[in-house]
Amino acid sequence: MLIITKHSNMINSITQLHNVNPKQIFNPLEDIKKQIEELRTHLQPKQPTEFLTRSEVAELLKINLSTLHNYTKQNKLIAYGIGSRVYYKREEVINSIIKLK
């Protein structure tokens, strides 16, 4: 098999491969292509963490602020803060809802 490549300076380069058939070259390339596609479907870009205020969480859960305070004190919800502001991670709030039997 001969492989002819052209470089930017228009000089041809010839590489000769002995005892190699096209399947031996292209089958591994197909495997690599399949692996890349599989990774692409499983690995999605990381979404930034969305923080909610106390009132947004209370509205989301349809509870009042005192109930939200109790849930936080009972460690049913995890609060985060900066300065005097209190925030909750949306994903954690959604995941804290449990299935009833």
PDB file of N, CA and C in Angstrom:
ATOM      1  N   MET A   1       0.847  -1.162   0.000  1.00  0.00           N
ATOM      2  CA  MET A   1       0.000   0.000   0.000  1.00  0.00           C
ATOM      3  C   MET A   1       0.893   1.226   0.000  1.00  0.00           C
ATOM      4  N   LEU A   2       0.524   2.231  -0.760  1.00  0.00           N
ATOM      5  CA  LEU A   2       1.253   3.487  -0.811  1.00  0.00           C
ATOM      6  C   LEU A   2       0.373   4.586  -0.251  1.00  0.00           C
ATOM      7  N   ILE A   3       0.950   5.434   0.545  1.00  0.00           N
ATOM      8  CA  ILE A   3       0.249   6.602   1.058  1.00  0.00           C
ATOM      9  C   ILE A   3       1.002   7.815   0.547  1.00  0.00           C
ATOM     10  N   ILE A   4       0.289   8.663  -0.173  1.00  0.00           N
ATOM     11  CA  ILE A   4       0.899   9.868  -0.713  1.00  0.00           C
ATOM     12  C   ILE A   4       0.273  11.058  -0.009  1.00  0.00           C
ATOM     13  N   THR A   5       1.098  11.887   0.583  1.00  0.00           N
ATOM     14  CA  THR A   5       0.603  13.069   1.271  1.00  0.00           C
ATOM     15  C   THR A   5       1.222  14.307   0.649  1.00  0.00           C
ATOM     16  N   LYS A   6       0.475  15.390   0.670  1.00  0.00           N
ATOM     17  CA  LYS A   6       0.987  16.660   0.157  1.00  0.00           C
ATOM     18  C   LYS A   6       1.191  17.604   1.334  1.00  0.00           C
ATOM     19  N   HIS A   7       2.305  18.227   1.354  1.00  0.00           N
ATOM     20  CA  HIS A   7       2.616  19.198   2.400  1.00  0.00           C
ATOM     21  C   HIS A   7       2.324  20.588   1.871  1.00  0.00           C
ATOM     22  N   SER A   8       2.324  21.547   2.750  1.00  0.00           N
ATOM     23  CA  SER A   8       1.984  22.910   2.356  1.00  0.00           C
ATOM     24  C   SER A   8       2.962  23.484   1.329  1.00  0.00           C
ATOM     25  N   ASN A   9       4.189  22.979   1.315  1.00  0.00           N
ATOM     26  CA  ASN A   9       5.142  23.500   0.342  1.00  0.00           C
ATOM     27  C   ASN A   9       5.113  22.694  -0.953  1.00  0.00           C
ATOM     28  N   MET A  10       4.026  21.917  -1.147  1.00  0.00           N
ATOM     29  CA  MET A  10       3.756  21.177  -2.378  1.00  0.00           C
ATOM     30  C   MET A  10       4.772  20.075  -2.678  1.00  0.00           C
ATOM     31  N   ILE A  11       5.489  19.611  -1.707  1.00  0.00           N
ATOM     32  CA  ILE A  11       6.396  18.479  -1.894  1.00  0.00           C
ATOM     33  C   ILE A  11       5.632  17.233  -1.511  1.00  0.00           C
ATOM     34  N   ASN A  12       5.617  16.260  -2.383  1.00  0.00           N
ATOM     35  CA  ASN A  12       4.918  15.015  -2.110  1.00  0.00           C
ATOM     36  C   ASN A  12       5.794  14.119  -1.244  1.00  0.00           C
ATOM     37  N   SER A  13       5.144  13.477  -0.325  1.00  0.00           N
ATOM     38  CA  SER A  13       5.831  12.527   0.529  1.00  0.00           C
ATOM     39  C   SER A  13       5.175  11.176   0.307  1.00  0.00           C
ATOM     40  N   ILE A  14       5.967  10.167   0.084  1.00  0.00           N
ATOM     41  CA  ILE A  14       5.441   8.829  -0.175  1.00  0.00           C
ATOM     42  C   ILE A  14       5.887   7.917   0.959  1.00  0.00           C
ATOM     43  N   THR A  15       4.895   7.250   1.549  1.00  0.00           N
ATOM     44  CA  THR A  15       5.174   6.270   2.591  1.00  0.00           C
ATOM     45  C   THR A  15       4.653   4.941   2.113  1.00  0.00           C
ATOM     46  N   GLN A  16       5.492   3.944   2.166  1.00  0.00           N
ATOM     47  CA  GLN A  16       5.089   2.623   1.704  1.00  0.00           C
ATOM     48  C   GLN A  16       4.987   1.703   2.900  1.00  0.00           C
ATOM     49  N   LEU A  17       3.847   1.055   2.987  1.00  0.00           N
ATOM     50  CA  LEU A  17       3.605   0.110   4.079  1.00  0.00           C
ATOM     51  C   LEU A  17       3.586  -1.296   3.508  1.00  0.00           C
ATOM     52  N   HIS A  18       4.404  -2.153   4.038  1.00  0.00           N
ATOM     53  CA  HIS A  18       4.480  -3.531   3.570  1.00  0.00           C
ATOM     54  C   HIS A  18       3.643  -4.431   4.457  1.00  0.00           C
ATOM     55  N   ASN A  19       2.986  -5.384   3.841  1.00  0.00           N
ATOM     56  CA  ASN A  19       2.196  -6.400   4.554  1.00  0.00           C
ATOM     57  C   ASN A  19       1.108  -5.793   5.442  1.00  0.00           C
ATOM     58  N   VAL A  20       0.539  -4.699   5.000  1.00  0.00           N
ATOM     59  CA  VAL A  20      -0.540  -4.060   5.747  1.00  0.00           C
ATOM     60  C   VAL A  20      -1.704  -3.865   4.784  1.00  0.00           C
ATOM     61  N   ASN A  21      -2.871  -4.338   5.213  1.00  0.00           N
ATOM     62  CA  ASN A  21      -4.043  -4.119   4.364  1.00  0.00           C
ATOM     63  C   ASN A  21      -4.861  -2.957   4.932  1.00  0.00           C
ATOM     64  N   PRO A  22      -5.730  -2.396   4.140  1.00  0.00           N
ATOM     65  CA  PRO A  22      -6.506  -1.216   4.603  1.00  0.00           C
ATOM     66  C   PRO A  22      -7.319  -1.468   5.864  1.00  0.00           C
ATOM     67  N   LYS A  23      -7.828  -2.689   6.051  1.00  0.00           N
ATOM     68  CA  LYS A  23      -8.623  -2.982   7.251  1.00  0.00           C
ATOM     69  C   LYS A  23      -7.788  -2.826   8.515  1.00  0.00           C
ATOM     70  N   GLN A  24      -6.505  -3.171   8.433  1.00  0.00           N
ATOM     71  CA  GLN A  24      -5.635  -3.056   9.600  1.00  0.00           C
ATOM     72  C   GLN A  24      -5.399  -1.600   9.983  1.00  0.00           C
ATOM     73  N   ILE A  25      -5.567  -0.719   9.046  1.00  0.00           N
ATOM     74  CA  ILE A  25      -5.406   0.710   9.342  1.00  0.00           C
ATOM     75  C   ILE A  25      -6.725   1.322   9.777  1.00  0.00           C
ATOM     76  N   PHE A  26      -7.797   1.000   9.067  1.00  0.00           N
ATOM     77  CA  PHE A  26      -9.063   1.698   9.296  1.00  0.00           C
ATOM     78  C   PHE A  26      -9.909   1.111  10.423  1.00  0.00           C
ATOM     79  N   ASN A  27      -9.761  -0.171  10.747  1.00  0.00           N
ATOM     80  CA  ASN A  27     -10.535  -0.744  11.855  1.00  0.00           C
ATOM     81  C   ASN A  27     -10.211  -0.078  13.190  1.00  0.00           C
ATOM     82  N   PRO A  28      -8.930   0.104  13.534  1.00  0.00           N
ATOM     83  CA  PRO A  28      -8.657   0.821  14.790  1.00  0.00           C
ATOM     84  C   PRO A  28      -9.192   2.255  14.780  1.00  0.00           C
ATOM     85  N   LEU A  29      -9.181   2.888  13.628  1.00  0.00           N
ATOM     86  CA  LEU A  29      -9.722   4.240  13.531  1.00  0.00           C
ATOM     87  C   LEU A  29     -11.228   4.248  13.775  1.00  0.00           C
ATOM     88  N   GLU A  30     -11.916   3.243  13.285  1.00  0.00           N
ATOM     89  CA  GLU A  30     -13.360   3.141  13.527  1.00  0.00           C
ATOM     90  C   GLU A  30     -13.641   2.916  15.018  1.00  0.00           C
ATOM     91  N   ASP A  31     -12.806   2.098  15.669  1.00  0.00           N
ATOM     92  CA  ASP A  31     -12.971   1.869  17.110  1.00  0.00           C
ATOM     93  C   ASP A  31     -12.778   3.166  17.890  1.00  0.00           C
ATOM     94  N   ILE A  32     -11.784   3.928  17.508  1.00  0.00           N
ATOM     95  CA  ILE A  32     -11.539   5.211  18.171  1.00  0.00           C
ATOM     96  C   ILE A  32     -12.714   6.152  17.949  1.00  0.00           C
ATOM     97  N   LYS A  33     -13.243   6.161  16.753  1.00  0.00           N
ATOM     98  CA  LYS A  33     -14.397   7.013  16.444  1.00  0.00           C
ATOM     99  C   LYS A  33     -15.599   6.625  17.305  1.00  0.00           C
ATOM    100  N   LYS A  34     -15.841   5.308  17.466  1.00  0.00           N
ATOM    101  CA  LYS A  34     -16.955   4.844  18.302  1.00  0.00           C
ATOM    102  C   LYS A  34     -16.751   5.255  19.762  1.00  0.00           C
ATOM    103  N   GLN A  35     -15.524   5.156  20.262  1.00  0.00           N
ATOM    104  CA  GLN A  35     -15.234   5.534  21.643  1.00  0.00           C
ATOM    105  C   GLN A  35     -15.459   7.028  21.861  1.00  0.00           C
ATOM    106  N   ILE A  36     -15.064   7.834  20.894  1.00  0.00           N
ATOM    107  CA  ILE A  36     -15.271   9.279  21.005  1.00  0.00           C
ATOM    108  C   ILE A  36     -16.763   9.601  21.022  1.00  0.00           C
ATOM    109  N   GLU A  37     -17.534   8.943  20.176  1.00  0.00           N
ATOM    110  CA  GLU A  37     -18.984   9.178  20.151  1.00  0.00           C
ATOM    111  C   GLU A  37     -19.626   8.761  21.466  1.00  0.00           C
ATOM    112  N   GLU A  38     -19.169   7.646  22.026  1.00  0.00           N
ATOM    113  CA  GLU A  38     -19.712   7.179  23.299  1.00  0.00           C
ATOM    114  C   GLU A  38     -19.395   8.173  24.414  1.00  0.00           C
ATOM    115  N   LEU A  39     -18.168   8.663  24.433  1.00  0.00           N
ATOM    116  CA  LEU A  39     -17.803   9.663  25.431  1.00  0.00           C
ATOM    117  C   LEU A  39     -18.620  10.937  25.259  1.00  0.00           C
ATOM    118  N   ARG A  40     -18.841  11.318  24.043  1.00  0.00           N
ATOM    119  CA  ARG A  40     -19.597  12.543  23.760  1.00  0.00           C
ATOM    120  C   ARG A  40     -21.026  12.432  24.287  1.00  0.00           C
ATOM    121  N   THR A  41     -21.631  11.242  24.186  1.00  0.00           N
ATOM    122  CA  THR A  41     -23.005  11.089  24.663  1.00  0.00           C
ATOM    123  C   THR A  41     -23.072  11.013  26.186  1.00  0.00           C
ATOM    124  N   HIS A  42     -22.028  10.453  26.831  1.00  0.00           N
ATOM    125  CA  HIS A  42     -22.060  10.289  28.291  1.00  0.00           C
ATOM    126  C   HIS A  42     -21.555  11.516  29.038  1.00  0.00           C
ATOM    127  N   LEU A  43     -20.639  12.234  28.452  1.00  0.00           N
ATOM    128  CA  LEU A  43     -20.070  13.386  29.132  1.00  0.00           C
ATOM    129  C   LEU A  43     -20.695  14.659  28.581  1.00  0.00           C
ATOM    130  N   GLN A  44     -21.457  15.306  29.403  1.00  0.00           N
ATOM    131  CA  GLN A  44     -22.092  16.555  29.026  1.00  0.00           C
ATOM    132  C   GLN A  44     -21.383  17.690  29.752  1.00  0.00           C
ATOM    133  N   PRO A  45     -21.431  18.883  29.205  1.00  0.00           N
ATOM    134  CA  PRO A  45     -20.784  20.001  29.891  1.00  0.00           C
ATOM    135  C   PRO A  45     -21.398  20.207  31.267  1.00  0.00           C
ATOM    136  N   LYS A  46     -20.570  20.547  32.198  1.00  0.00           N
ATOM    137  CA  LYS A  46     -21.026  20.757  33.565  1.00  0.00           C
ATOM    138  C   LYS A  46     -21.866  22.033  33.639  1.00  0.00           C
ATOM    139  N   GLN A  47     -23.040  21.893  34.233  1.00  0.00           N
ATOM    140  CA  GLN A  47     -23.935  23.032  34.392  1.00  0.00           C
ATOM    141  C   GLN A  47     -23.515  23.802  35.644  1.00  0.00           C
ATOM    142  N   PRO A  48     -23.538  25.122  35.589  1.00  0.00           N
ATOM    143  CA  PRO A  48     -23.197  25.887  36.787  1.00  0.00           C
ATOM    144  C   PRO A  48     -24.254  25.686  37.872  1.00  0.00           C
ATOM    145  N   THR A  49     -23.813  25.738  39.106  1.00  0.00           N
ATOM    146  CA  THR A  49     -24.730  25.567  40.236  1.00  0.00           C
ATOM    147  C   THR A  49     -25.664  26.770  40.309  1.00  0.00           C
ATOM    148  N   GLU A  50     -26.955  26.480  40.391  1.00  0.00           N
ATOM    149  CA  GLU A  50     -27.936  27.561  40.507  1.00  0.00           C
ATOM    150  C   GLU A  50     -28.336  27.704  41.971  1.00  0.00           C
ATOM    151  N   PHE A  51     -28.144  28.899  42.498  1.00  0.00           N
ATOM    152  CA  PHE A  51     -28.506  29.186  43.880  1.00  0.00           C
ATOM    153  C   PHE A  51     -29.836  29.921  43.916  1.00  0.00           C
ATOM    154  N   LEU A  52     -30.636  29.567  44.907  1.00  0.00           N
ATOM    155  CA  LEU A  52     -31.943  30.191  45.104  1.00  0.00           C
ATOM    156  C   LEU A  52     -31.954  30.926  46.433  1.00  0.00           C
ATOM    157  N   THR A  53     -32.687  32.016  46.494  1.00  0.00           N
ATOM    158  CA  THR A  53     -32.860  32.737  47.753  1.00  0.00           C
ATOM    159  C   THR A  53     -33.895  32.003  48.603  1.00  0.00           C
ATOM    160  N   ARG A  54     -34.024  32.435  49.846  1.00  0.00           N
ATOM    161  CA  ARG A  54     -35.001  31.816  50.746  1.00  0.00           C
ATOM    162  C   ARG A  54     -36.410  31.936  50.180  1.00  0.00           C
ATOM    163  N   SER A  55     -36.755  33.108  49.680  1.00  0.00           N
ATOM    164  CA  SER A  55     -38.115  33.304  49.160  1.00  0.00           C
ATOM    165  C   SER A  55     -38.353  32.477  47.893  1.00  0.00           C
ATOM    166  N   GLU A  56     -37.318  32.307  47.062  1.00  0.00           N
ATOM    167  CA  GLU A  56     -37.470  31.482  45.857  1.00  0.00           C
ATOM    168  C   GLU A  56     -37.691  30.017  46.219  1.00  0.00           C
ATOM    169  N   VAL A  57     -36.984  29.538  47.251  1.00  0.00           N
ATOM    170  CA  VAL A  57     -37.175  28.149  47.693  1.00  0.00           C
ATOM    171  C   VAL A  57     -38.556  27.980  48.294  1.00  0.00           C
ATOM    172  N   ALA A  58     -38.974  28.927  49.111  1.00  0.00           N
ATOM    173  CA  ALA A  58     -40.312  28.851  49.718  1.00  0.00           C
ATOM    174  C   ALA A  58     -41.390  28.834  48.635  1.00  0.00           C
ATOM    175  N   GLU A  59     -41.215  29.649  47.612  1.00  0.00           N
ATOM    176  CA  GLU A  59     -42.187  29.674  46.516  1.00  0.00           C
ATOM    177  C   GLU A  59     -42.150  28.362  45.726  1.00  0.00           C
ATOM    178  N   LEU A  60     -40.951  27.848  45.481  1.00  0.00           N
ATOM    179  CA  LEU A  60     -40.799  26.590  44.744  1.00  0.00           C
ATOM    180  C   LEU A  60     -41.488  25.437  45.470  1.00  0.00           C
ATOM    181  N   LEU A  61     -41.295  25.367  46.785  1.00  0.00           N
ATOM    182  CA  LEU A  61     -41.878  24.273  47.579  1.00  0.00           C
ATOM    183  C   LEU A  61     -43.286  24.583  48.073  1.00  0.00           C
ATOM    184  N   LYS A  62     -43.749  25.795  47.804  1.00  0.00           N
ATOM    185  CA  LYS A  62     -45.079  26.240  48.246  1.00  0.00           C
ATOM    186  C   LYS A  62     -45.227  26.121  49.772  1.00  0.00           C
ATOM    187  N   ILE A  63     -44.224  26.660  50.455  1.00  0.00           N
ATOM    188  CA  ILE A  63     -44.210  26.703  51.921  1.00  0.00           C
ATOM    189  C   ILE A  63     -43.911  28.138  52.334  1.00  0.00           C
ATOM    190  N   ASN A  64     -44.105  28.436  53.624  1.00  0.00           N
ATOM    191  CA  ASN A  64     -43.753  29.779  54.080  1.00  0.00           C
ATOM    192  C   ASN A  64     -42.319  29.790  54.616  1.00  0.00           C
ATOM    193  N   LEU A  65     -41.819  30.983  54.894  1.00  0.00           N
ATOM    194  CA  LEU A  65     -40.419  31.124  55.303  1.00  0.00           C
ATOM    195  C   LEU A  65     -40.126  30.461  56.645  1.00  0.00           C
ATOM    196  N   SER A  66     -41.103  30.418  57.547  1.00  0.00           N
ATOM    197  CA  SER A  66     -40.857  29.763  58.841  1.00  0.00           C
ATOM    198  C   SER A  66     -40.716  28.248  58.664  1.00  0.00           C
ATOM    199  N   THR A  67     -41.480  27.658  57.752  1.00  0.00           N
ATOM    200  CA  THR A  67     -41.333  26.227  57.462  1.00  0.00           C
ATOM    201  C   THR A  67     -39.969  25.969  56.832  1.00  0.00           C
ATOM    202  N   LEU A  68     -39.541  26.837  55.944  1.00  0.00           N
ATOM    203  CA  LEU A  68     -38.221  26.707  55.341  1.00  0.00           C
ATOM    204  C   LEU A  68     -37.137  26.780  56.411  1.00  0.00           C
ATOM    205  N   HIS A  69     -37.298  27.700  57.354  1.00  0.00           N
ATOM    206  CA  HIS A  69     -36.345  27.812  58.463  1.00  0.00           C
ATOM    207  C   HIS A  69     -36.310  26.511  59.269  1.00  0.00           C
ATOM    208  N   ASN A  70     -37.484  25.927  59.536  1.00  0.00           N
ATOM    209  CA  ASN A  70     -37.534  24.664  60.288  1.00  0.00           C
ATOM    210  C   ASN A  70     -36.869  23.528  59.518  1.00  0.00           C
ATOM    211  N   TYR A  71     -37.108  23.447  58.217  1.00  0.00           N
ATOM    212  CA  TYR A  71     -36.470  22.416  57.392  1.00  0.00           C
ATOM    213  C   TYR A  71     -34.949  22.551  57.433  1.00  0.00           C
ATOM    214  N   THR A  72     -34.489  23.783  57.452  1.00  0.00           N
ATOM    215  CA  THR A  72     -33.043  24.015  57.500  1.00  0.00           C
ATOM    216  C   THR A  72     -32.498  23.599  58.858  1.00  0.00           C
ATOM    217  N   LYS A  73     -33.176  23.951  59.931  1.00  0.00           N
ATOM    218  CA  LYS A  73     -32.735  23.580  61.284  1.00  0.00           C
ATOM    219  C   LYS A  73     -32.772  22.062  61.486  1.00  0.00           C
ATOM    220  N   GLN A  74     -33.709  21.375  60.824  1.00  0.00           N
ATOM    221  CA  GLN A  74     -33.824  19.909  60.924  1.00  0.00           C
ATOM    222  C   GLN A  74     -32.892  19.196  59.938  1.00  0.00           C
ATOM    223  N   ASN A  75     -32.066  19.954  59.240  1.00  0.00           N
ATOM    224  CA  ASN A  75     -31.129  19.423  58.237  1.00  0.00           C
ATOM    225  C   ASN A  75     -31.823  18.701  57.080  1.00  0.00           C
ATOM    226  N   LYS A  76     -33.057  19.064  56.804  1.00  0.00           N
ATOM    227  CA  LYS A  76     -33.739  18.545  55.627  1.00  0.00           C
ATOM    228  C   LYS A  76     -33.276  19.297  54.383  1.00  0.00           C
ATOM    229  N   LEU A  77     -32.871  20.543  54.578  1.00  0.00           N
ATOM    230  CA  LEU A  77     -32.314  21.370  53.510  1.00  0.00           C
ATOM    231  C   LEU A  77     -31.001  21.963  54.003  1.00  0.00           C
ATOM    232  N   ILE A  78     -30.064  22.154  53.092  1.00  0.00           N
ATOM    233  CA  ILE A  78     -28.761  22.717  53.439  1.00  0.00           C
ATOM    234  C   ILE A  78     -28.710  24.163  52.942  1.00  0.00           C
ATOM    235  N   ALA A  79     -28.420  25.067  53.862  1.00  0.00           N
ATOM    236  CA  ALA A  79     -28.340  26.486  53.518  1.00  0.00           C
ATOM    237  C   ALA A  79     -26.874  26.877  53.341  1.00  0.00           C
ATOM    238  N   TYR A  80     -26.641  27.798  52.411  1.00  0.00           N
ATOM    239  CA  TYR A  80     -25.320  28.367  52.163  1.00  0.00           C
ATOM    240  C   TYR A  80     -25.453  29.867  52.314  1.00  0.00           C
ATOM    241  N   GLY A  81     -24.397  30.508  52.734  1.00  0.00           N
ATOM    242  CA  GLY A  81     -24.505  31.936  52.923  1.00  0.00           C
ATOM    243  C   GLY A  81     -23.256  32.686  52.540  1.00  0.00           C
ATOM    244  N   ILE A  82     -23.477  33.948  52.266  1.00  0.00           N
ATOM    245  CA  ILE A  82     -22.384  34.891  52.068  1.00  0.00           C
ATOM    246  C   ILE A  82     -22.860  36.194  52.688  1.00  0.00           C
ATOM    247  N   GLY A  83     -22.086  36.688  53.611  1.00  0.00           N
ATOM    248  CA  GLY A  83     -22.542  37.858  54.359  1.00  0.00           C
ATOM    249  C   GLY A  83     -23.795  37.497  55.132  1.00  0.00           C
ATOM    250  N   SER A  84     -24.809  38.303  55.007  1.00  0.00           N
ATOM    251  CA  SER A  84     -26.072  38.015  55.701  1.00  0.00           C
ATOM    252  C   SER A  84     -27.084  37.334  54.783  1.00  0.00           C
ATOM    253  N   ARG A  85     -26.665  37.026  53.557  1.00  0.00           N
ATOM    254  CA  ARG A  85     -27.569  36.406  52.580  1.00  0.00           C
ATOM    255  C   ARG A  85     -27.551  34.886  52.740  1.00  0.00           C
ATOM    256  N   VAL A  86     -28.707  34.250  52.557  1.00  0.00           N
ATOM    257  CA  VAL A  86     -28.846  32.800  52.657  1.00  0.00           C
ATOM    258  C   VAL A  86     -29.303  32.271  51.307  1.00  0.00           C
ATOM    259  N   TYR A  87     -28.635  31.218  50.856  1.00  0.00           N
ATOM    260  CA  TYR A  87     -28.951  30.612  49.567  1.00  0.00           C
ATOM    261  C   TYR A  87     -29.082  29.104  49.706  1.00  0.00           C
ATOM    262  N   TYR A  88     -29.771  28.510  48.749  1.00  0.00           N
ATOM    263  CA  TYR A  88     -29.929  27.063  48.664  1.00  0.00           C
ATOM    264  C   TYR A  88     -29.601  26.647  47.232  1.00  0.00           C
ATOM    265  N   LYS A  89     -29.013  25.477  47.094  1.00  0.00           N
ATOM    266  CA  LYS A  89     -28.742  24.963  45.755  1.00  0.00           C
ATOM    267  C   LYS A  89     -30.016  24.331  45.213  1.00  0.00           C
ATOM    268  N   ARG A  90     -30.412  24.742  44.004  1.00  0.00           N
ATOM    269  CA  ARG A  90     -31.648  24.234  43.405  1.00  0.00           C
ATOM    270  C   ARG A  90     -31.649  22.707  43.349  1.00  0.00           C
ATOM    271  N   GLU A  91     -30.566  22.117  42.901  1.00  0.00           N
ATOM    272  CA  GLU A  91     -30.495  20.655  42.766  1.00  0.00           C
ATOM    273  C   GLU A  91     -30.691  19.964  44.111  1.00  0.00           C
ATOM    274  N   GLU A  92     -30.101  20.521  45.171  1.00  0.00           N
ATOM    275  CA  GLU A  92     -30.263  19.924  46.496  1.00  0.00           C
ATOM    276  C   GLU A  92     -31.689  20.054  46.993  1.00  0.00           C
ATOM    277  N   VAL A  93     -32.325  21.170  46.693  1.00  0.00           N
ATOM    278  CA  VAL A  93     -33.731  21.361  47.105  1.00  0.00           C
ATOM    279  C   VAL A  93     -34.610  20.327  46.410  1.00  0.00           C
ATOM    280  N   ILE A  94     -34.413  20.160  45.110  1.00  0.00           N
ATOM    281  CA  ILE A  94     -35.207  19.179  44.349  1.00  0.00           C
ATOM    282  C   ILE A  94     -34.927  17.767  44.850  1.00  0.00           C
ATOM    283  N   ASN A  95     -33.654  17.460  45.107  1.00  0.00           N
ATOM    284  CA  ASN A  95     -33.294  16.113  45.568  1.00  0.00           C
ATOM    285  C   ASN A  95     -33.756  15.822  46.995  1.00  0.00           C
ATOM    286  N   SER A  96     -34.063  16.865  47.774  1.00  0.00           N
ATOM    287  CA  SER A  96     -34.508  16.635  49.154  1.00  0.00           C
ATOM    288  C   SER A  96     -35.957  16.144  49.221  1.00  0.00           C
ATOM    289  N   ILE A  97     -36.676  16.285  48.148  1.00  0.00           N
ATOM    290  CA  ILE A  97     -38.058  15.801  48.120  1.00  0.00           C
ATOM    291  C   ILE A  97     -38.030  14.278  48.012  1.00  0.00           C
ATOM    292  N   ILE A  98     -38.658  13.623  48.968  1.00  0.00           N
ATOM    293  CA  ILE A  98     -38.609  12.164  49.016  1.00  0.00           C
ATOM    294  C   ILE A  98     -39.886  11.549  48.477  1.00  0.00           C
ATOM    295  N   LYS A  99     -39.770  10.341  47.979  1.00  0.00           N
ATOM    296  CA  LYS A  99     -40.930   9.610  47.453  1.00  0.00           C
ATOM    297  C   LYS A  99     -41.739   9.052  48.624  1.00  0.00           C
ATOM    298  N   LEU A 100     -43.037   9.247  48.560  1.00  0.00           N
ATOM    299  CA  LEU A 100     -43.925   8.707  49.595  1.00  0.00           C
ATOM    300  C   LEU A 100     -44.410   7.327  49.163  1.00  0.00           C
ATOM    301  N   LYS A 101     -44.581   6.474  50.135  1.00  0.00           N
ATOM    302  CA  LYS A 101     -45.020   5.101  49.838  1.00  0.00           C
ATOM    303  C   LYS A 101     -46.504   5.019  49.616  1.00  0.00           C
TER     304      LYS A 101
END
